[in-house]
Amino acid sequence: MKRRSLGSQGLVVSEIGLGCMGMSEFYGATDETESLSTIGRALELGIDFLDTADVYGPHTNEELVGRAIEGRRDRIVLATKFGIVRTTTERRGVRGDRAYVRECCDASLRRLRTDYIDLYYQHRVDPDTPIEETVGAMADLVAEGKVRFIGLSEAGADTIRRGHAVHPISAVQSEWSLWSRDVEERVLPVLRELGIGVVAYSPLGRGFLTGAITSVDDLAPDDFRRNSPRFQGENFQKNLLLAEAVEKMARAKNVTPAQLALAWVLSRGPDVVPIPGTKRRPYLEDNVGAADVVLTTEHLKTLDAFFAVTTAAGDRYSDMSTIER
């Protein structure tokens, strides 16, 4: 698999990564044995960029990834995140103060069974802590060798500028797919100006663009997408038309809808790395095939015309208050 650079500080990763969140929760039943096998298969296929966070589980996803990479740490580019405070009662908040940054990093290192994190993100921006303090604390971790590169997730343009002025930001993680193009309006121009890479999470529209979801009943009872505005009522029906458009073009090209949707994200530039999440090997193998899909100028024009920034019906989350504009 080809590789791409994120930022200008030396971070290089496989052009497609693997989001590990669903291996622990959010998308219905989990199977640890299959999840571990999926990570192993990803490495065999040339994927070395693994993404997790302390909030997934909480904590259990980092522990699973830690078990998966034990004995092969030198083959992995490991990314994790801090900042979303989650308790067992599901109350959530956001913290980015200096003490919390250090506390979270040390805890993640223990769970991941490693002495360094390749890419450490602030998962959401803390409105009560200046970004200069948060990034300053992350810079201290870099100086101590606990972290190699730092990133931000779902941060706004001004916050990114201010954080980058304290210490170079190598990557910003944002939701980016054919039906989630918000990042292109204000954030992407700043990233390109500053030379910061983009890590695109949910590049398959949380599975919607694969064509596998035709009814809410296709989702497990505990699948968090049941509460997502885009998967509900009239929004769901409108968004089905988008999935059908992807499926039609994919069929014409003799590729799968997932491969077409991922190829579009890959086409956004050499500084963009999608991290489709999956917990099963067949889906992983299908996703990897996207690297070989060539979209012509005509294909791209058609997709861009059909999927405008505001095309998808419904907000990305039921609560968008922690997403910076």
C-alpha atoms as a PDB file:
ATOM      1  CA  MET A   1       0.000   0.000   0.000  1.00  0.00           C
ATOM      2  CA  LYS A   2       1.172   3.515  -0.768  1.00  0.00           C
ATOM      3  CA  ARG A   3       1.958   5.936   2.013  1.00  0.00           C
ATOM      4  CA  ARG A   4       1.110   9.564   2.649  1.00  0.00           C
ATOM      5  CA  SER A   5       2.612  12.333   4.755  1.00  0.00           C
ATOM      6  CA  LEU A   6       0.567  14.090   7.395  1.00  0.00           C
ATOM      7  CA  GLY A   7       1.964  17.514   8.118  1.00  0.00           C
ATOM      8  CA  SER A   8       5.554  18.494   7.511  1.00  0.00           C
ATOM      9  CA  GLN A   9       7.095  17.128  10.701  1.00  0.00           C
ATOM     10  CA  GLY A  10       7.841  13.635   9.379  1.00  0.00           C
ATOM     11  CA  LEU A  11       4.661  11.673  10.093  1.00  0.00           C
ATOM     12  CA  VAL A  12       4.117   9.117   7.314  1.00  0.00           C
ATOM     13  CA  VAL A  13       1.278   6.567   7.323  1.00  0.00           C
ATOM     14  CA  SER A  14      -0.462   4.089   5.037  1.00  0.00           C
ATOM     15  CA  GLU A  15      -2.825   5.913   2.673  1.00  0.00           C
ATOM     16  CA  ILE A  16      -5.777   4.132   4.293  1.00  0.00           C
ATOM     17  CA  GLY A  17      -5.935   3.670   8.048  1.00  0.00           C
ATOM     18  CA  LEU A  18      -8.142   1.589  10.329  1.00  0.00           C
ATOM     19  CA  GLY A  19     -10.623   3.080  12.772  1.00  0.00           C
ATOM     20  CA  CYS A  20     -10.931   0.715  15.728  1.00  0.00           C
ATOM     21  CA  MET A  21     -13.819   2.320  17.677  1.00  0.00           C
ATOM     22  CA  GLY A  22     -16.523  -0.109  16.552  1.00  0.00           C
ATOM     23  CA  MET A  23     -14.511  -3.052  17.814  1.00  0.00           C
ATOM     24  CA  SER A  24     -15.536  -2.138  21.350  1.00  0.00           C
ATOM     25  CA  GLU A  25     -18.960  -0.462  21.147  1.00  0.00           C
ATOM     26  CA  PHE A  26     -21.371   1.871  19.333  1.00  0.00           C
ATOM     27  CA  TYR A  27     -22.124  -0.375  16.325  1.00  0.00           C
ATOM     28  CA  GLY A  28     -23.849  -3.339  17.931  1.00  0.00           C
ATOM     29  CA  ALA A  29     -22.368  -6.645  19.100  1.00  0.00           C
ATOM     30  CA  THR A  30     -18.599  -7.016  19.219  1.00  0.00           C
ATOM     31  CA  ASP A  31     -16.311 -10.027  18.817  1.00  0.00           C
ATOM     32  CA  GLU A  32     -12.855  -9.576  20.289  1.00  0.00           C
ATOM     33  CA  THR A  33     -11.362 -12.538  18.451  1.00  0.00           C
ATOM     34  CA  GLU A  34     -12.544 -11.215  15.084  1.00  0.00           C
ATOM     35  CA  SER A  35     -11.431  -7.690  15.975  1.00  0.00           C
ATOM     36  CA  LEU A  36      -7.921  -8.867  16.788  1.00  0.00           C
ATOM     37  CA  SER A  37      -7.862 -10.840  13.549  1.00  0.00           C
ATOM     38  CA  THR A  38      -9.027  -7.763  11.652  1.00  0.00           C
ATOM     39  CA  ILE A  39      -6.143  -5.709  13.014  1.00  0.00           C
ATOM     40  CA  GLY A  40      -3.733  -8.492  12.120  1.00  0.00           C
ATOM     41  CA  ARG A  41      -5.151  -8.684   8.604  1.00  0.00           C
ATOM     42  CA  ALA A  42      -4.845  -4.922   8.234  1.00  0.00           C
ATOM     43  CA  LEU A  43      -1.125  -5.194   8.906  1.00  0.00           C
ATOM     44  CA  GLU A  44      -0.821  -7.978   6.329  1.00  0.00           C
ATOM     45  CA  LEU A  45      -2.504  -5.739   3.751  1.00  0.00           C
ATOM     46  CA  GLY A  46      -0.137  -2.841   4.413  1.00  0.00           C
ATOM     47  CA  ILE A  47      -2.268  -0.745   6.761  1.00  0.00           C
ATOM     48  CA  ASP A  48      -0.122   0.474   9.616  1.00  0.00           C
ATOM     49  CA  PHE A  49      -2.191   3.454  10.839  1.00  0.00           C
ATOM     50  CA  LEU A  50      -4.493   2.489  13.732  1.00  0.00           C
ATOM     51  CA  ASP A  51      -6.895   4.942  15.370  1.00  0.00           C
ATOM     52  CA  THR A  52      -8.441   4.677  18.827  1.00  0.00           C
ATOM     53  CA  ALA A  53      -9.337   6.934  21.789  1.00  0.00           C
ATOM     54  CA  ASP A  54      -9.608   6.708  25.550  1.00  0.00           C
ATOM     55  CA  VAL A  55     -13.361   7.412  25.399  1.00  0.00           C
ATOM     56  CA  TYR A  56     -14.128   4.319  23.317  1.00  0.00           C
ATOM     57  CA  GLY A  57     -15.387   1.747  25.767  1.00  0.00           C
ATOM     58  CA  PRO A  58     -14.487   3.786  27.754  1.00  0.00           C
ATOM     59  CA  HIS A  59     -10.877   2.592  27.816  1.00  0.00           C
ATOM     60  CA  THR A  60     -11.544  -0.940  26.517  1.00  0.00           C
ATOM     61  CA  ASN A  61     -10.730  -0.080  22.902  1.00  0.00           C
ATOM     62  CA  GLU A  62      -7.248   1.123  23.808  1.00  0.00           C
ATOM     63  CA  GLU A  63      -6.776  -2.072  25.791  1.00  0.00           C
ATOM     64  CA  LEU A  64      -7.829  -4.182  22.813  1.00  0.00           C
ATOM     65  CA  VAL A  65      -5.511  -2.305  20.456  1.00  0.00           C
ATOM     66  CA  GLY A  66      -2.724  -2.678  22.999  1.00  0.00           C
ATOM     67  CA  ARG A  67      -3.155  -6.453  22.955  1.00  0.00           C
ATOM     68  CA  ALA A  68      -3.306  -6.494  19.168  1.00  0.00           C
ATOM     69  CA  ILE A  69      -0.043  -4.638  18.624  1.00  0.00           C
ATOM     70  CA  GLU A  70       1.991  -6.306  21.351  1.00  0.00           C
ATOM     71  CA  GLY A  71       5.173  -7.704  19.847  1.00  0.00           C
ATOM     72  CA  ARG A  72       4.827  -5.674  16.662  1.00  0.00           C
ATOM     73  CA  ARG A  73       4.814  -2.109  17.917  1.00  0.00           C
ATOM     74  CA  ASP A  74       7.556  -1.075  15.495  1.00  0.00           C
ATOM     75  CA  ARG A  75       5.213  -1.832  12.567  1.00  0.00           C
ATOM     76  CA  ILE A  76       2.416   0.431  13.828  1.00  0.00           C
ATOM     77  CA  VAL A  77       1.678   4.137  13.565  1.00  0.00           C
ATOM     78  CA  LEU A  78      -0.536   4.465  16.607  1.00  0.00           C
ATOM     79  CA  ALA A  79      -3.024   7.293  17.076  1.00  0.00           C
ATOM     80  CA  THR A  80      -5.203   7.900  20.095  1.00  0.00           C
ATOM     81  CA  LYS A  81      -7.185  10.779  21.543  1.00  0.00           C
ATOM     82  CA  PHE A  82      -8.032  12.438  24.841  1.00  0.00           C
ATOM     83  CA  GLY A  83     -10.400  15.189  25.879  1.00  0.00           C
ATOM     84  CA  ILE A  84     -13.899  13.719  26.084  1.00  0.00           C
ATOM     85  CA  VAL A  85     -14.681  12.951  29.709  1.00  0.00           C
ATOM     86  CA  ARG A  86     -17.021  10.006  29.960  1.00  0.00           C
ATOM     87  CA  THR A  87     -18.291   8.309  33.084  1.00  0.00           C
ATOM     88  CA  THR A  88     -20.066   5.000  33.544  1.00  0.00           C
ATOM     89  CA  THR A  89     -23.332   6.917  33.832  1.00  0.00           C
ATOM     90  CA  GLU A  90     -22.792   8.303  30.315  1.00  0.00           C
ATOM     91  CA  ARG A  91     -22.456  11.936  31.345  1.00  0.00           C
ATOM     92  CA  ARG A  92     -19.936  13.623  29.119  1.00  0.00           C
ATOM     93  CA  GLY A  93     -17.819  16.732  29.234  1.00  0.00           C
ATOM     94  CA  VAL A  94     -14.640  18.040  27.640  1.00  0.00           C
ATOM     95  CA  ARG A  95     -11.340  18.843  29.332  1.00  0.00           C
ATOM     96  CA  GLY A  96      -8.089  20.176  27.946  1.00  0.00           C
ATOM     97  CA  ASP A  97      -6.301  21.569  30.991  1.00  0.00           C
ATOM     98  CA  ARG A  98      -2.626  20.821  31.425  1.00  0.00           C
ATOM     99  CA  ALA A  99      -3.001  18.351  34.304  1.00  0.00           C
ATOM    100  CA  TYR A 100      -5.683  16.382  32.477  1.00  0.00           C
ATOM    101  CA  VAL A 101      -3.627  16.123  29.285  1.00  0.00           C
ATOM    102  CA  ARG A 102      -0.755  14.515  31.169  1.00  0.00           C
ATOM    103  CA  GLU A 103      -3.036  12.263  33.197  1.00  0.00           C
ATOM    104  CA  CYS A 104      -4.763  10.985  30.059  1.00  0.00           C
ATOM    105  CA  CYS A 105      -1.535  10.377  28.171  1.00  0.00           C
ATOM    106  CA  ASP A 106      -0.021   8.297  30.964  1.00  0.00           C
ATOM    107  CA  ALA A 107      -3.208   6.245  31.265  1.00  0.00           C
ATOM    108  CA  SER A 108      -3.354   5.649  27.506  1.00  0.00           C
ATOM    109  CA  LEU A 109       0.267   4.529  27.424  1.00  0.00           C
ATOM    110  CA  ARG A 110      -0.504   1.917  30.077  1.00  0.00           C
ATOM    111  CA  ARG A 111      -3.587   0.620  28.281  1.00  0.00           C
ATOM    112  CA  LEU A 112      -1.840   0.541  24.903  1.00  0.00           C
ATOM    113  CA  ARG A 113       1.164  -1.274  26.408  1.00  0.00           C
ATOM    114  CA  THR A 114       3.641   1.127  24.845  1.00  0.00           C
ATOM    115  CA  ASP A 115       5.982   3.887  25.922  1.00  0.00           C
ATOM    116  CA  TYR A 116       5.080   6.318  23.130  1.00  0.00           C
ATOM    117  CA  ILE A 117       2.108   7.414  21.027  1.00  0.00           C
ATOM    118  CA  ASP A 118       2.784   8.313  17.403  1.00  0.00           C
ATOM    119  CA  LEU A 119      -0.094  10.776  16.968  1.00  0.00           C
ATOM    120  CA  TYR A 120      -1.896  12.218  19.983  1.00  0.00           C
ATOM    121  CA  TYR A 121      -5.066  14.219  19.366  1.00  0.00           C
ATOM    122  CA  GLN A 122      -7.247  16.442  21.466  1.00  0.00           C
ATOM    123  CA  HIS A 123     -10.582  14.745  20.708  1.00  0.00           C
ATOM    124  CA  ARG A 124     -12.718  17.842  21.208  1.00  0.00           C
ATOM    125  CA  VAL A 125     -11.739  21.400  22.056  1.00  0.00           C
ATOM    126  CA  ASP A 126     -12.353  22.465  25.653  1.00  0.00           C
ATOM    127  CA  PRO A 127     -14.174  25.825  25.589  1.00  0.00           C
ATOM    128  CA  ASP A 128     -13.007  26.561  29.133  1.00  0.00           C
ATOM    129  CA  THR A 129      -9.286  26.032  28.532  1.00  0.00           C
ATOM    130  CA  PRO A 130      -7.250  28.146  26.090  1.00  0.00           C
ATOM    131  CA  ILE A 131      -5.995  26.017  23.230  1.00  0.00           C
ATOM    132  CA  GLU A 132      -2.536  27.436  23.948  1.00  0.00           C
ATOM    133  CA  GLU A 133      -2.536  25.658  27.319  1.00  0.00           C
ATOM    134  CA  THR A 134      -3.708  22.362  25.845  1.00  0.00           C
ATOM    135  CA  VAL A 135      -1.242  22.337  22.961  1.00  0.00           C
ATOM    136  CA  GLY A 136       1.495  23.512  25.302  1.00  0.00           C
ATOM    137  CA  ALA A 137       0.880  20.471  27.486  1.00  0.00           C
ATOM    138  CA  MET A 138       0.927  18.225  24.423  1.00  0.00           C
ATOM    139  CA  ALA A 139       4.215  19.831  23.340  1.00  0.00           C
ATOM    140  CA  ASP A 140       5.671  18.899  26.730  1.00  0.00           C
ATOM    141  CA  LEU A 141       4.764  15.267  26.034  1.00  0.00           C
ATOM    142  CA  VAL A 142       6.601  15.491  22.707  1.00  0.00           C
ATOM    143  CA  ALA A 143       9.669  16.893  24.458  1.00  0.00           C
ATOM    144  CA  GLU A 144       9.556  14.005  26.938  1.00  0.00           C
ATOM    145  CA  GLY A 145       9.333  11.378  24.182  1.00  0.00           C
ATOM    146  CA  LYS A 146       5.871  10.150  25.162  1.00  0.00           C
ATOM    147  CA  VAL A 147       4.321  11.525  21.973  1.00  0.00           C
ATOM    148  CA  ARG A 148       5.853  11.915  18.505  1.00  0.00           C
ATOM    149  CA  PHE A 149       3.307  14.151  16.754  1.00  0.00           C
ATOM    150  CA  ILE A 150       0.207  16.021  17.863  1.00  0.00           C
ATOM    151  CA  GLY A 151      -3.187  16.634  16.336  1.00  0.00           C
ATOM    152  CA  LEU A 152      -6.608  18.146  16.914  1.00  0.00           C
ATOM    153  CA  SER A 153     -10.033  16.688  16.167  1.00  0.00           C
ATOM    154  CA  GLU A 154     -13.107  18.600  14.988  1.00  0.00           C
ATOM    155  CA  ALA A 155     -11.413  21.932  15.718  1.00  0.00           C
ATOM    156  CA  GLY A 156     -12.331  25.224  14.077  1.00  0.00           C
ATOM    157  CA  ALA A 157     -10.064  27.281  11.843  1.00  0.00           C
ATOM    158  CA  ASP A 158      -9.094  29.894  14.436  1.00  0.00           C
ATOM    159  CA  THR A 159      -8.354  27.267  17.082  1.00  0.00           C
ATOM    160  CA  ILE A 160      -6.142  25.391  14.650  1.00  0.00           C
ATOM    161  CA  ARG A 161      -4.157  28.552  13.873  1.00  0.00           C
ATOM    162  CA  ARG A 162      -3.653  29.360  17.543  1.00  0.00           C
ATOM    163  CA  GLY A 163      -2.672  25.817  18.438  1.00  0.00           C
ATOM    164  CA  HIS A 164      -0.267  25.521  15.512  1.00  0.00           C
ATOM    165  CA  ALA A 165       1.468  28.719  16.652  1.00  0.00           C
ATOM    166  CA  VAL A 166       2.345  27.009  19.956  1.00  0.00           C
ATOM    167  CA  HIS A 167       3.565  23.721  18.464  1.00  0.00           C
ATOM    168  CA  PRO A 168       3.262  22.290  14.941  1.00  0.00           C
ATOM    169  CA  ILE A 169       0.034  20.384  14.421  1.00  0.00           C
ATOM    170  CA  SER A 170       0.634  17.418  12.124  1.00  0.00           C
ATOM    171  CA  ALA A 171      -2.967  16.380  11.509  1.00  0.00           C
ATOM    172  CA  VAL A 172      -6.538  17.432  12.102  1.00  0.00           C
ATOM    173  CA  GLN A 173      -9.130  14.680  12.282  1.00  0.00           C
ATOM    174  CA  SER A 174     -12.576  15.579  10.975  1.00  0.00           C
ATOM    175  CA  GLU A 175     -15.545  13.735   9.591  1.00  0.00           C
ATOM    176  CA  TRP A 176     -15.223  13.866   5.811  1.00  0.00           C
ATOM    177  CA  SER A 177     -17.121  11.904   3.222  1.00  0.00           C
ATOM    178  CA  LEU A 178     -19.402  12.472   0.266  1.00  0.00           C
ATOM    179  CA  TRP A 179     -22.230  13.339   2.665  1.00  0.00           C
ATOM    180  CA  SER A 180     -20.154  15.206   5.291  1.00  0.00           C
ATOM    181  CA  ARG A 181     -18.207  17.983   3.581  1.00  0.00           C
ATOM    182  CA  ASP A 182     -18.363  20.731   6.224  1.00  0.00           C
ATOM    183  CA  VAL A 183     -14.571  20.671   6.643  1.00  0.00           C
ATOM    184  CA  GLU A 184     -14.113  22.019   3.116  1.00  0.00           C
ATOM    185  CA  GLU A 185     -15.614  25.434   3.777  1.00  0.00           C
ATOM    186  CA  ARG A 186     -13.420  27.023   6.448  1.00  0.00           C
ATOM    187  CA  VAL A 187     -11.101  24.417   7.951  1.00  0.00           C
ATOM    188  CA  LEU A 188      -9.521  22.844   4.877  1.00  0.00           C
ATOM    189  CA  PRO A 189      -8.135  26.125   3.469  1.00  0.00           C
ATOM    190  CA  VAL A 190      -6.360  26.765   6.784  1.00  0.00           C
ATOM    191  CA  LEU A 191      -4.943  23.245   6.884  1.00  0.00           C
ATOM    192  CA  ARG A 192      -3.566  23.611   3.378  1.00  0.00           C
ATOM    193  CA  GLU A 193      -2.111  27.031   4.210  1.00  0.00           C
ATOM    194  CA  LEU A 194      -0.348  25.710   7.318  1.00  0.00           C
ATOM    195  CA  GLY A 195       0.691  22.367   5.830  1.00  0.00           C
ATOM    196  CA  ILE A 196      -1.411  20.243   8.178  1.00  0.00           C
ATOM    197  CA  GLY A 197      -2.674  16.828   7.103  1.00  0.00           C
ATOM    198  CA  VAL A 198      -6.288  15.671   7.234  1.00  0.00           C
ATOM    199  CA  VAL A 199      -7.436  12.406   8.769  1.00  0.00           C
ATOM    200  CA  ALA A 200     -10.952  11.686   7.524  1.00  0.00           C
ATOM    201  CA  TYR A 201     -13.061   9.687   9.935  1.00  0.00           C
ATOM    202  CA  SER A 202     -16.385   8.092   8.953  1.00  0.00           C
ATOM    203  CA  PRO A 203     -15.425   8.328   5.255  1.00  0.00           C
ATOM    204  CA  LEU A 204     -18.254   5.898   4.437  1.00  0.00           C
ATOM    205  CA  GLY A 205     -20.936   8.016   6.082  1.00  0.00           C
ATOM    206  CA  ARG A 206     -21.051   5.686   9.101  1.00  0.00           C
ATOM    207  CA  GLY A 207     -21.735   2.821   6.738  1.00  0.00           C
ATOM    208  CA  PHE A 208     -24.642   4.510   4.974  1.00  0.00           C
ATOM    209  CA  LEU A 209     -22.776   5.013   1.696  1.00  0.00           C
ATOM    210  CA  THR A 210     -21.987   1.290   1.423  1.00  0.00           C
ATOM    211  CA  GLY A 211     -25.595   0.562   0.492  1.00  0.00           C
ATOM    212  CA  ALA A 212     -25.841  -2.038   3.253  1.00  0.00           C
ATOM    213  CA  ILE A 213     -28.350  -0.019   5.290  1.00  0.00           C
ATOM    214  CA  THR A 214     -31.762   0.297   3.684  1.00  0.00           C
ATOM    215  CA  SER A 215     -33.833   0.496   6.866  1.00  0.00           C
ATOM    216  CA  VAL A 216     -33.267   1.437  10.473  1.00  0.00           C
ATOM    217  CA  ASP A 217     -34.173  -2.171  11.216  1.00  0.00           C
ATOM    218  CA  ASP A 218     -30.845  -3.131   9.641  1.00  0.00           C
ATOM    219  CA  LEU A 219     -29.175  -1.648  12.721  1.00  0.00           C
ATOM    220  CA  ALA A 220     -28.762  -3.486  16.020  1.00  0.00           C
ATOM    221  CA  PRO A 221     -31.010  -2.291  18.879  1.00  0.00           C
ATOM    222  CA  ASP A 222     -28.001  -0.771  20.675  1.00  0.00           C
ATOM    223  CA  ASP A 223     -26.435   0.777  17.564  1.00  0.00           C
ATOM    224  CA  PHE A 224     -25.863   4.474  18.263  1.00  0.00           C
ATOM    225  CA  ARG A 225     -26.828   5.373  14.695  1.00  0.00           C
ATOM    226  CA  ARG A 226     -30.458   4.821  15.631  1.00  0.00           C
ATOM    227  CA  ASN A 227     -30.200   8.141  17.487  1.00  0.00           C
ATOM    228  CA  SER A 228     -28.372   9.962  14.705  1.00  0.00           C
ATOM    229  CA  PRO A 229     -30.464  12.606  12.922  1.00  0.00           C
ATOM    230  CA  ARG A 230     -29.364  11.355   9.500  1.00  0.00           C
ATOM    231  CA  PHE A 231     -30.685   7.875  10.221  1.00  0.00           C
ATOM    232  CA  GLN A 232     -34.126   8.965  11.361  1.00  0.00           C
ATOM    233  CA  GLY A 233     -37.488   9.441   9.676  1.00  0.00           C
ATOM    234  CA  GLU A 234     -37.637  11.697   6.652  1.00  0.00           C
ATOM    235  CA  ASN A 235     -33.894  12.339   6.781  1.00  0.00           C
ATOM    236  CA  PHE A 236     -33.252   8.627   6.360  1.00  0.00           C
ATOM    237  CA  GLN A 237     -35.454   8.409   3.284  1.00  0.00           C
ATOM    238  CA  LYS A 238     -33.818  11.448   1.671  1.00  0.00           C
ATOM    239  CA  ASN A 239     -30.345  10.114   2.383  1.00  0.00           C
ATOM    240  CA  LEU A 240     -31.201   6.770   0.803  1.00  0.00           C
ATOM    241  CA  LEU A 241     -31.177   8.600  -2.537  1.00  0.00           C
ATOM    242  CA  LEU A 242     -27.545   9.540  -1.912  1.00  0.00           C
ATOM    243  CA  ALA A 243     -26.574   5.959  -1.158  1.00  0.00           C
ATOM    244  CA  GLU A 244     -28.398   4.818  -4.287  1.00  0.00           C
ATOM    245  CA  ALA A 245     -26.438   7.315  -6.395  1.00  0.00           C
ATOM    246  CA  VAL A 246     -23.147   5.929  -5.072  1.00  0.00           C
ATOM    247  CA  GLU A 247     -24.310   2.380  -5.698  1.00  0.00           C
ATOM    248  CA  LYS A 248     -25.322   3.171  -9.282  1.00  0.00           C
ATOM    249  CA  MET A 249     -21.959   4.707 -10.169  1.00  0.00           C
ATOM    250  CA  ALA A 250     -20.085   1.915  -8.378  1.00  0.00           C
ATOM    251  CA  ARG A 251     -21.969  -0.698 -10.350  1.00  0.00           C
ATOM    252  CA  ALA A 252     -21.089   1.070 -13.591  1.00  0.00           C
ATOM    253  CA  LYS A 253     -17.397   1.015 -12.627  1.00  0.00           C
ATOM    254  CA  ASN A 254     -17.548  -2.597 -11.387  1.00  0.00           C
ATOM    255  CA  VAL A 255     -16.446  -1.644  -7.876  1.00  0.00           C
ATOM    256  CA  THR A 256     -18.278  -1.705  -4.560  1.00  0.00           C
ATOM    257  CA  PRO A 257     -20.030   1.394  -3.178  1.00  0.00           C
ATOM    258  CA  ALA A 258     -17.560   1.458  -0.277  1.00  0.00           C
ATOM    259  CA  GLN A 259     -14.613   1.466  -2.657  1.00  0.00           C
ATOM    260  CA  LEU A 260     -16.112   4.296  -4.698  1.00  0.00           C
ATOM    261  CA  ALA A 261     -16.844   6.425  -1.626  1.00  0.00           C
ATOM    262  CA  LEU A 262     -13.351   5.855  -0.229  1.00  0.00           C
ATOM    263  CA  ALA A 263     -11.722   6.540  -3.601  1.00  0.00           C
ATOM    264  CA  TRP A 264     -13.458   9.926  -3.605  1.00  0.00           C
ATOM    265  CA  VAL A 265     -11.937  10.784  -0.205  1.00  0.00           C
ATOM    266  CA  LEU A 266      -8.513   9.617  -1.370  1.00  0.00           C
ATOM    267  CA  SER A 267      -8.880  11.860  -4.427  1.00  0.00           C
ATOM    268  CA  ARG A 268      -9.156  14.969  -2.253  1.00  0.00           C
ATOM    269  CA  GLY A 269      -5.382  15.278  -2.069  1.00  0.00           C
ATOM    270  CA  PRO A 270      -2.154  13.542  -1.019  1.00  0.00           C
ATOM    271  CA  ASP A 271      -2.484  15.109   2.427  1.00  0.00           C
ATOM    272  CA  VAL A 272      -5.761  13.261   3.161  1.00  0.00           C
ATOM    273  CA  VAL A 273      -5.900   9.851   4.857  1.00  0.00           C
ATOM    274  CA  PRO A 274      -9.263   8.161   5.439  1.00  0.00           C
ATOM    275  CA  ILE A 275      -9.662   5.819   8.420  1.00  0.00           C
ATOM    276  CA  PRO A 276     -12.738   3.689   7.697  1.00  0.00           C
ATOM    277  CA  GLY A 277     -13.743   1.757  10.761  1.00  0.00           C
ATOM    278  CA  THR A 278     -14.613  -1.914  10.713  1.00  0.00           C
ATOM    279  CA  LYS A 279     -14.502  -4.890  13.026  1.00  0.00           C
ATOM    280  CA  ARG A 280     -14.638  -7.603  10.347  1.00  0.00           C
ATOM    281  CA  ARG A 281     -12.034  -8.806   7.856  1.00  0.00           C
ATOM    282  CA  PRO A 282     -14.271  -8.963   4.741  1.00  0.00           C
ATOM    283  CA  TYR A 283     -15.188  -5.273   5.086  1.00  0.00           C
ATOM    284  CA  LEU A 284     -11.551  -4.386   5.701  1.00  0.00           C
ATOM    285  CA  GLU A 285     -10.464  -6.200   2.547  1.00  0.00           C
ATOM    286  CA  ASP A 286     -13.188  -4.467   0.557  1.00  0.00           C
ATOM    287  CA  ASN A 287     -12.056  -1.065   1.850  1.00  0.00           C
ATOM    288  CA  VAL A 288      -8.437  -1.703   0.921  1.00  0.00           C
ATOM    289  CA  GLY A 289      -9.546  -2.209  -2.691  1.00  0.00           C
ATOM    290  CA  ALA A 290     -10.366   1.499  -2.852  1.00  0.00           C
ATOM    291  CA  ALA A 291      -6.671   2.263  -3.222  1.00  0.00           C
ATOM    292  CA  ASP A 292      -6.797   0.783  -6.735  1.00  0.00           C
ATOM    293  CA  VAL A 293      -9.916   2.629  -7.894  1.00  0.00           C
ATOM    294  CA  VAL A 294      -9.247   5.424 -10.373  1.00  0.00           C
ATOM    295  CA  LEU A 295     -11.883   8.140 -10.618  1.00  0.00           C
ATOM    296  CA  THR A 296     -11.815  10.145 -13.831  1.00  0.00           C
ATOM    297  CA  THR A 297     -12.373  13.879 -13.976  1.00  0.00           C
ATOM    298  CA  GLU A 298     -15.892  13.153 -15.193  1.00  0.00           C
ATOM    299  CA  HIS A 299     -16.598  10.847 -12.243  1.00  0.00           C
ATOM    300  CA  LEU A 300     -15.386  13.486  -9.807  1.00  0.00           C
ATOM    301  CA  LYS A 301     -17.449  16.212 -11.440  1.00  0.00           C
ATOM    302  CA  THR A 302     -20.558  14.062 -11.219  1.00  0.00           C
ATOM    303  CA  LEU A 303     -19.997  13.207  -7.570  1.00  0.00           C
ATOM    304  CA  ASP A 304     -19.152  16.765  -6.587  1.00  0.00           C
ATOM    305  CA  ALA A 305     -22.248  18.068  -8.331  1.00  0.00           C
ATOM    306  CA  PHE A 306     -24.551  15.552  -6.683  1.00  0.00           C
ATOM    307  CA  PHE A 307     -23.000  15.730  -3.226  1.00  0.00           C
ATOM    308  CA  ALA A 308     -22.804  19.418  -2.342  1.00  0.00           C
ATOM    309  CA  VAL A 309     -21.718  20.511   1.129  1.00  0.00           C
ATOM    310  CA  THR A 310     -25.317  20.776   2.293  1.00  0.00           C
ATOM    311  CA  THR A 311     -26.768  17.769   0.452  1.00  0.00           C
ATOM    312  CA  ALA A 312     -27.184  15.281   3.327  1.00  0.00           C
ATOM    313  CA  ALA A 313     -30.381  15.587   5.338  1.00  0.00           C
ATOM    314  CA  GLY A 314     -29.927  16.057   9.100  1.00  0.00           C
ATOM    315  CA  ASP A 315     -27.069  17.011  11.413  1.00  0.00           C
ATOM    316  CA  ARG A 316     -24.108  14.677  11.833  1.00  0.00           C
ATOM    317  CA  TYR A 317     -24.774  14.331  15.581  1.00  0.00           C
ATOM    318  CA  SER A 318     -27.820  14.800  17.765  1.00  0.00           C
ATOM    319  CA  ASP A 319     -25.716  17.274  19.761  1.00  0.00           C
ATOM    320  CA  MET A 320     -23.345  19.372  17.635  1.00  0.00           C
ATOM    321  CA  SER A 321     -22.327  21.670  20.494  1.00  0.00           C
ATOM    322  CA  THR A 322     -18.773  20.302  20.775  1.00  0.00           C
ATOM    323  CA  ILE A 323     -18.033  20.649  17.052  1.00  0.00           C
ATOM    324  CA  GLU A 324     -16.230  23.894  16.285  1.00  0.00           C
ATOM    325  CA  ARG A 325     -17.324  25.779  13.199  1.00  0.00           C
END
